[in-house]
């Protein structure tokens, strides 16, 4: 049951992130293929770098990916029927996690939902340029999560905490 839970958690998290990339990438490409002015290109470069650093490196590589991979490993080693059933949400820290981890997961989700709603009102091509930066950050995040999960499951010692109530 542990292998099934770990696989479901890993694939579920990647599916959620990948679906966002799948939905945003066409709009980003449409903006890139349009006639952009210098101000658009400047914004695109600055925002892309910002998203790679803030979302990709600081958000995913330094925080989300190591913890989520540790939770995949925890689920593999300590299967529980409810945790296995809800593995993607368990791995992301929505439940059976330290209070700070749960609050962070919930606040980030609410914040992302609010940003998605607000970004919908941006005119073309700005919305596509923002989506391009988000796609870059999410793609970086997916890659880092895959790497950290491989290290967690197949490495000898994985130093990151799953931030469960007992850890």
C-alpha atoms as a PDB file:
ATOM      1  CA  UNK A   1       0.000   0.000   0.000  1.00  0.00           C
ATOM      2  CA  UNK A   2       2.957   2.334   0.642  1.00  0.00           C
ATOM      3  CA  UNK A   3       4.180   2.126  -2.948  1.00  0.00           C
ATOM      4  CA  UNK A   4       0.697   2.841  -4.289  1.00  0.00           C
ATOM      5  CA  UNK A   5       0.284   5.824  -1.956  1.00  0.00           C
ATOM      6  CA  UNK A   6       3.695   7.245  -2.844  1.00  0.00           C
ATOM      7  CA  UNK A   7       3.036   6.806  -6.562  1.00  0.00           C
ATOM      8  CA  UNK A   8      -0.456   8.339  -6.293  1.00  0.00           C
ATOM      9  CA  UNK A   9       0.896  11.252  -4.258  1.00  0.00           C
ATOM     10  CA  UNK A  10       3.772  11.874  -6.662  1.00  0.00           C
ATOM     11  CA  UNK A  11       1.621  11.604  -9.787  1.00  0.00           C
ATOM     12  CA  UNK A  12      -1.247  13.595  -8.263  1.00  0.00           C
ATOM     13  CA  UNK A  13       0.965  16.535  -7.300  1.00  0.00           C
ATOM     14  CA  UNK A  14       2.594  16.494 -10.734  1.00  0.00           C
ATOM     15  CA  UNK A  15      -0.823  16.287 -12.404  1.00  0.00           C
ATOM     16  CA  UNK A  16      -2.061  19.368 -10.516  1.00  0.00           C
ATOM     17  CA  UNK A  17       1.041  21.359 -11.413  1.00  0.00           C
ATOM     18  CA  UNK A  18       1.175  19.983 -14.952  1.00  0.00           C
ATOM     19  CA  UNK A  19      -2.469  20.835 -15.579  1.00  0.00           C
ATOM     20  CA  UNK A  20      -1.745  24.463 -14.723  1.00  0.00           C
ATOM     21  CA  UNK A  21       1.148  24.472 -17.223  1.00  0.00           C
ATOM     22  CA  UNK A  22      -1.092  22.821 -19.838  1.00  0.00           C
ATOM     23  CA  UNK A  23      -3.796  25.478 -19.357  1.00  0.00           C
ATOM     24  CA  UNK A  24      -1.462  28.485 -19.312  1.00  0.00           C
ATOM     25  CA  UNK A  25       1.078  27.572 -22.005  1.00  0.00           C
ATOM     26  CA  UNK A  26      -1.173  28.216 -25.065  1.00  0.00           C
ATOM     27  CA  UNK A  27      -2.016  31.741 -23.891  1.00  0.00           C
ATOM     28  CA  UNK A  28       1.649  32.409 -23.176  1.00  0.00           C
ATOM     29  CA  UNK A  29       2.651  31.185 -26.637  1.00  0.00           C
ATOM     30  CA  UNK A  30      -0.078  33.274 -28.248  1.00  0.00           C
ATOM     31  CA  UNK A  31       1.332  36.385 -26.558  1.00  0.00           C
ATOM     32  CA  UNK A  32       4.889  35.526 -27.619  1.00  0.00           C
ATOM     33  CA  UNK A  33       3.795  35.055 -31.222  1.00  0.00           C
ATOM     34  CA  UNK A  34       2.092  38.469 -31.344  1.00  0.00           C
ATOM     35  CA  UNK A  35       3.616  41.818 -32.212  1.00  0.00           C
ATOM     36  CA  UNK A  36       5.181  42.797 -28.896  1.00  0.00           C
ATOM     37  CA  UNK A  37       6.514  46.258 -28.169  1.00  0.00           C
ATOM     38  CA  UNK A  38       9.771  46.969 -26.347  1.00  0.00           C
ATOM     39  CA  UNK A  39       7.920  47.514 -23.051  1.00  0.00           C
ATOM     40  CA  UNK A  40       6.376  44.039 -23.389  1.00  0.00           C
ATOM     41  CA  UNK A  41       9.774  42.407 -23.975  1.00  0.00           C
ATOM     42  CA  UNK A  42      11.305  44.238 -21.028  1.00  0.00           C
ATOM     43  CA  UNK A  43       8.437  43.144 -18.787  1.00  0.00           C
ATOM     44  CA  UNK A  44       8.653  39.578 -20.101  1.00  0.00           C
ATOM     45  CA  UNK A  45      12.372  39.237 -19.361  1.00  0.00           C
ATOM     46  CA  UNK A  46      12.167  40.823 -15.905  1.00  0.00           C
ATOM     47  CA  UNK A  47       9.040  38.883 -14.913  1.00  0.00           C
ATOM     48  CA  UNK A  48      10.409  35.582 -16.273  1.00  0.00           C
ATOM     49  CA  UNK A  49      13.593  35.984 -14.219  1.00  0.00           C
ATOM     50  CA  UNK A  50      11.526  36.990 -11.183  1.00  0.00           C
ATOM     51  CA  UNK A  51       9.303  33.908 -11.509  1.00  0.00           C
ATOM     52  CA  UNK A  52      12.239  31.550 -12.010  1.00  0.00           C
ATOM     53  CA  UNK A  53      13.875  32.887  -8.850  1.00  0.00           C
ATOM     54  CA  UNK A  54      10.834  33.555  -6.642  1.00  0.00           C
ATOM     55  CA  UNK A  55       8.544  30.701  -7.643  1.00  0.00           C
ATOM     56  CA  UNK A  56      10.945  28.168  -9.112  1.00  0.00           C
ATOM     57  CA  UNK A  57      14.015  28.453  -6.922  1.00  0.00           C
ATOM     58  CA  UNK A  58      12.810  29.975  -3.642  1.00  0.00           C
ATOM     59  CA  UNK A  59       9.285  28.562  -3.622  1.00  0.00           C
ATOM     60  CA  UNK A  60       9.728  25.142  -5.135  1.00  0.00           C
ATOM     61  CA  UNK A  61      13.391  24.155  -4.873  1.00  0.00           C
ATOM     62  CA  UNK A  62      13.988  25.540  -1.388  1.00  0.00           C
ATOM     63  CA  UNK A  63      10.629  24.797   0.260  1.00  0.00           C
ATOM     64  CA  UNK A  64       7.825  22.936  -1.524  1.00  0.00           C
ATOM     65  CA  UNK A  65       9.757  20.246  -3.390  1.00  0.00           C
ATOM     66  CA  UNK A  66      11.983  18.981  -0.538  1.00  0.00           C
ATOM     67  CA  UNK A  67       9.084  18.865   1.935  1.00  0.00           C
ATOM     68  CA  UNK A  68       6.624  17.337  -0.523  1.00  0.00           C
ATOM     69  CA  UNK A  69       9.154  14.712  -1.599  1.00  0.00           C
ATOM     70  CA  UNK A  70       9.780  13.917   2.092  1.00  0.00           C
ATOM     71  CA  UNK A  71       6.042  13.427   2.504  1.00  0.00           C
ATOM     72  CA  UNK A  72       5.992  11.085  -0.527  1.00  0.00           C
ATOM     73  CA  UNK A  73       8.740   9.066   1.170  1.00  0.00           C
ATOM     74  CA  UNK A  74       6.891   9.193   4.503  1.00  0.00           C
ATOM     75  CA  UNK A  75       3.759   7.876   2.807  1.00  0.00           C
ATOM     76  CA  UNK A  76       5.806   5.109   1.183  1.00  0.00           C
ATOM     77  CA  UNK A  77       7.293   4.072   4.528  1.00  0.00           C
ATOM     78  CA  UNK A  78       4.207   4.680   6.721  1.00  0.00           C
ATOM     79  CA  UNK A  79       1.072   3.945   4.693  1.00  0.00           C
ATOM     80  CA  UNK A  80      -2.277   4.795   6.205  1.00  0.00           C
ATOM     81  CA  UNK A  81      -5.519   4.130   4.246  1.00  0.00           C
ATOM     82  CA  UNK A  82      -6.764   7.736   4.484  1.00  0.00           C
ATOM     83  CA  UNK A  83      -3.355   9.188   3.637  1.00  0.00           C
ATOM     84  CA  UNK A  84      -3.045   6.853   0.638  1.00  0.00           C
ATOM     85  CA  UNK A  85      -6.544   7.694  -0.591  1.00  0.00           C
ATOM     86  CA  UNK A  86      -5.869  11.441  -0.385  1.00  0.00           C
ATOM     87  CA  UNK A  87      -2.163  11.137  -1.192  1.00  0.00           C
ATOM     88  CA  UNK A  88      -1.717  14.264  -3.364  1.00  0.00           C
ATOM     89  CA  UNK A  89      -3.309  16.438  -0.658  1.00  0.00           C
ATOM     90  CA  UNK A  90      -1.362  14.632   2.055  1.00  0.00           C
ATOM     91  CA  UNK A  91       1.888  15.179   0.160  1.00  0.00           C
ATOM     92  CA  UNK A  92       1.165  18.878  -0.290  1.00  0.00           C
ATOM     93  CA  UNK A  93       0.651  19.256   3.456  1.00  0.00           C
ATOM     94  CA  UNK A  94      -3.069  19.958   3.693  1.00  0.00           C
ATOM     95  CA  UNK A  95      -3.494  17.487   6.557  1.00  0.00           C
ATOM     96  CA  UNK A  96      -1.435  15.388   8.993  1.00  0.00           C
ATOM     97  CA  UNK A  97       1.181  18.106   8.928  1.00  0.00           C
ATOM     98  CA  UNK A  98       2.552  20.603  11.395  1.00  0.00           C
ATOM     99  CA  UNK A  99       0.224  23.551  11.877  1.00  0.00           C
ATOM    100  CA  UNK A 100       2.599  25.948  10.110  1.00  0.00           C
ATOM    101  CA  UNK A 101       2.766  23.630   7.073  1.00  0.00           C
ATOM    102  CA  UNK A 102      -1.030  23.359   6.895  1.00  0.00           C
ATOM    103  CA  UNK A 103      -1.500  27.119   7.227  1.00  0.00           C
ATOM    104  CA  UNK A 104       1.125  27.717   4.540  1.00  0.00           C
ATOM    105  CA  UNK A 105      -0.521  25.225   2.169  1.00  0.00           C
ATOM    106  CA  UNK A 106      -3.973  26.723   2.657  1.00  0.00           C
ATOM    107  CA  UNK A 107      -2.790  30.353   2.428  1.00  0.00           C
ATOM    108  CA  UNK A 108      -0.801  29.650  -0.736  1.00  0.00           C
ATOM    109  CA  UNK A 109      -3.818  27.957  -2.316  1.00  0.00           C
ATOM    110  CA  UNK A 110      -6.114  30.873  -1.466  1.00  0.00           C
ATOM    111  CA  UNK A 111      -3.493  33.353  -2.689  1.00  0.00           C
ATOM    112  CA  UNK A 112      -3.029  31.514  -5.961  1.00  0.00           C
ATOM    113  CA  UNK A 113      -6.789  31.368  -6.535  1.00  0.00           C
ATOM    114  CA  UNK A 114      -7.065  35.122  -5.926  1.00  0.00           C
ATOM    115  CA  UNK A 115      -4.159  35.842  -8.290  1.00  0.00           C
ATOM    116  CA  UNK A 116      -5.721  33.662 -10.993  1.00  0.00           C
ATOM    117  CA  UNK A 117      -8.970  35.611 -10.663  1.00  0.00           C
ATOM    118  CA  UNK A 118      -7.176  38.971 -10.830  1.00  0.00           C
ATOM    119  CA  UNK A 119      -4.906  38.016 -13.742  1.00  0.00           C
ATOM    120  CA  UNK A 120      -7.957  37.102 -15.821  1.00  0.00           C
ATOM    121  CA  UNK A 121      -8.701  40.822 -16.063  1.00  0.00           C
ATOM    122  CA  UNK A 122      -5.352  41.719 -17.616  1.00  0.00           C
ATOM    123  CA  UNK A 123      -5.594  42.734 -21.275  1.00  0.00           C
ATOM    124  CA  UNK A 124      -3.772  41.017 -24.113  1.00  0.00           C
ATOM    125  CA  UNK A 125      -0.755  40.545 -24.302  1.00  0.00           C
ATOM    126  CA  UNK A 126      -0.067  41.239 -20.604  1.00  0.00           C
ATOM    127  CA  UNK A 127      -2.010  38.211 -19.409  1.00  0.00           C
ATOM    128  CA  UNK A 128      -0.039  35.949 -21.738  1.00  0.00           C
ATOM    129  CA  UNK A 129       3.252  37.467 -20.599  1.00  0.00           C
ATOM    130  CA  UNK A 130       2.348  36.836 -16.967  1.00  0.00           C
ATOM    131  CA  UNK A 131       1.284  33.302 -17.888  1.00  0.00           C
ATOM    132  CA  UNK A 132       4.670  32.763 -19.555  1.00  0.00           C
ATOM    133  CA  UNK A 133       6.452  33.593 -16.298  1.00  0.00           C
ATOM    134  CA  UNK A 134       4.122  31.327 -14.341  1.00  0.00           C
ATOM    135  CA  UNK A 135       4.723  28.469 -16.799  1.00  0.00           C
ATOM    136  CA  UNK A 136       8.482  28.893 -16.355  1.00  0.00           C
ATOM    137  CA  UNK A 137       8.202  28.863 -12.563  1.00  0.00           C
ATOM    138  CA  UNK A 138       5.866  25.867 -12.509  1.00  0.00           C
ATOM    139  CA  UNK A 139       8.018  23.919 -14.969  1.00  0.00           C
ATOM    140  CA  UNK A 140      11.071  24.558 -12.797  1.00  0.00           C
ATOM    141  CA  UNK A 141       9.011  23.435  -9.806  1.00  0.00           C
ATOM    142  CA  UNK A 142       7.883  20.205 -11.444  1.00  0.00           C
ATOM    143  CA  UNK A 143      11.457  19.365 -12.384  1.00  0.00           C
ATOM    144  CA  UNK A 144      12.729  20.100  -8.871  1.00  0.00           C
ATOM    145  CA  UNK A 145       9.945  17.982  -7.345  1.00  0.00           C
ATOM    146  CA  UNK A 146      10.835  15.048  -9.602  1.00  0.00           C
ATOM    147  CA  UNK A 147      14.517  15.322  -8.628  1.00  0.00           C
ATOM    148  CA  UNK A 148      13.828  15.645  -4.892  1.00  0.00           C
ATOM    149  CA  UNK A 149      11.388  12.724  -4.972  1.00  0.00           C
ATOM    150  CA  UNK A 150      13.953  10.530  -6.724  1.00  0.00           C
ATOM    151  CA  UNK A 151      16.515  11.481  -4.052  1.00  0.00           C
ATOM    152  CA  UNK A 152      13.994  10.795  -1.275  1.00  0.00           C
ATOM    153  CA  UNK A 153      12.907   7.398  -2.561  1.00  0.00           C
ATOM    154  CA  UNK A 154      16.155   6.076  -4.012  1.00  0.00           C
ATOM    155  CA  UNK A 155      18.864   7.868  -2.028  1.00  0.00           C
ATOM    156  CA  UNK A 156      20.406   6.566   1.177  1.00  0.00           C
ATOM    157  CA  UNK A 157      19.703   9.462   3.530  1.00  0.00           C
ATOM    158  CA  UNK A 158      17.132  12.121   2.759  1.00  0.00           C
ATOM    159  CA  UNK A 159      17.721  15.050   5.138  1.00  0.00           C
ATOM    160  CA  UNK A 160      14.427  16.915   4.697  1.00  0.00           C
ATOM    161  CA  UNK A 161      11.542  16.635   7.163  1.00  0.00           C
ATOM    162  CA  UNK A 162       8.066  15.551   6.052  1.00  0.00           C
ATOM    163  CA  UNK A 163       6.796  18.021   8.674  1.00  0.00           C
ATOM    164  CA  UNK A 164       4.301  15.572  10.093  1.00  0.00           C
ATOM    165  CA  UNK A 165       2.980  16.164  13.647  1.00  0.00           C
ATOM    166  CA  UNK A 166       5.347  13.478  14.935  1.00  0.00           C
ATOM    167  CA  UNK A 167       8.520  14.758  13.210  1.00  0.00           C
END
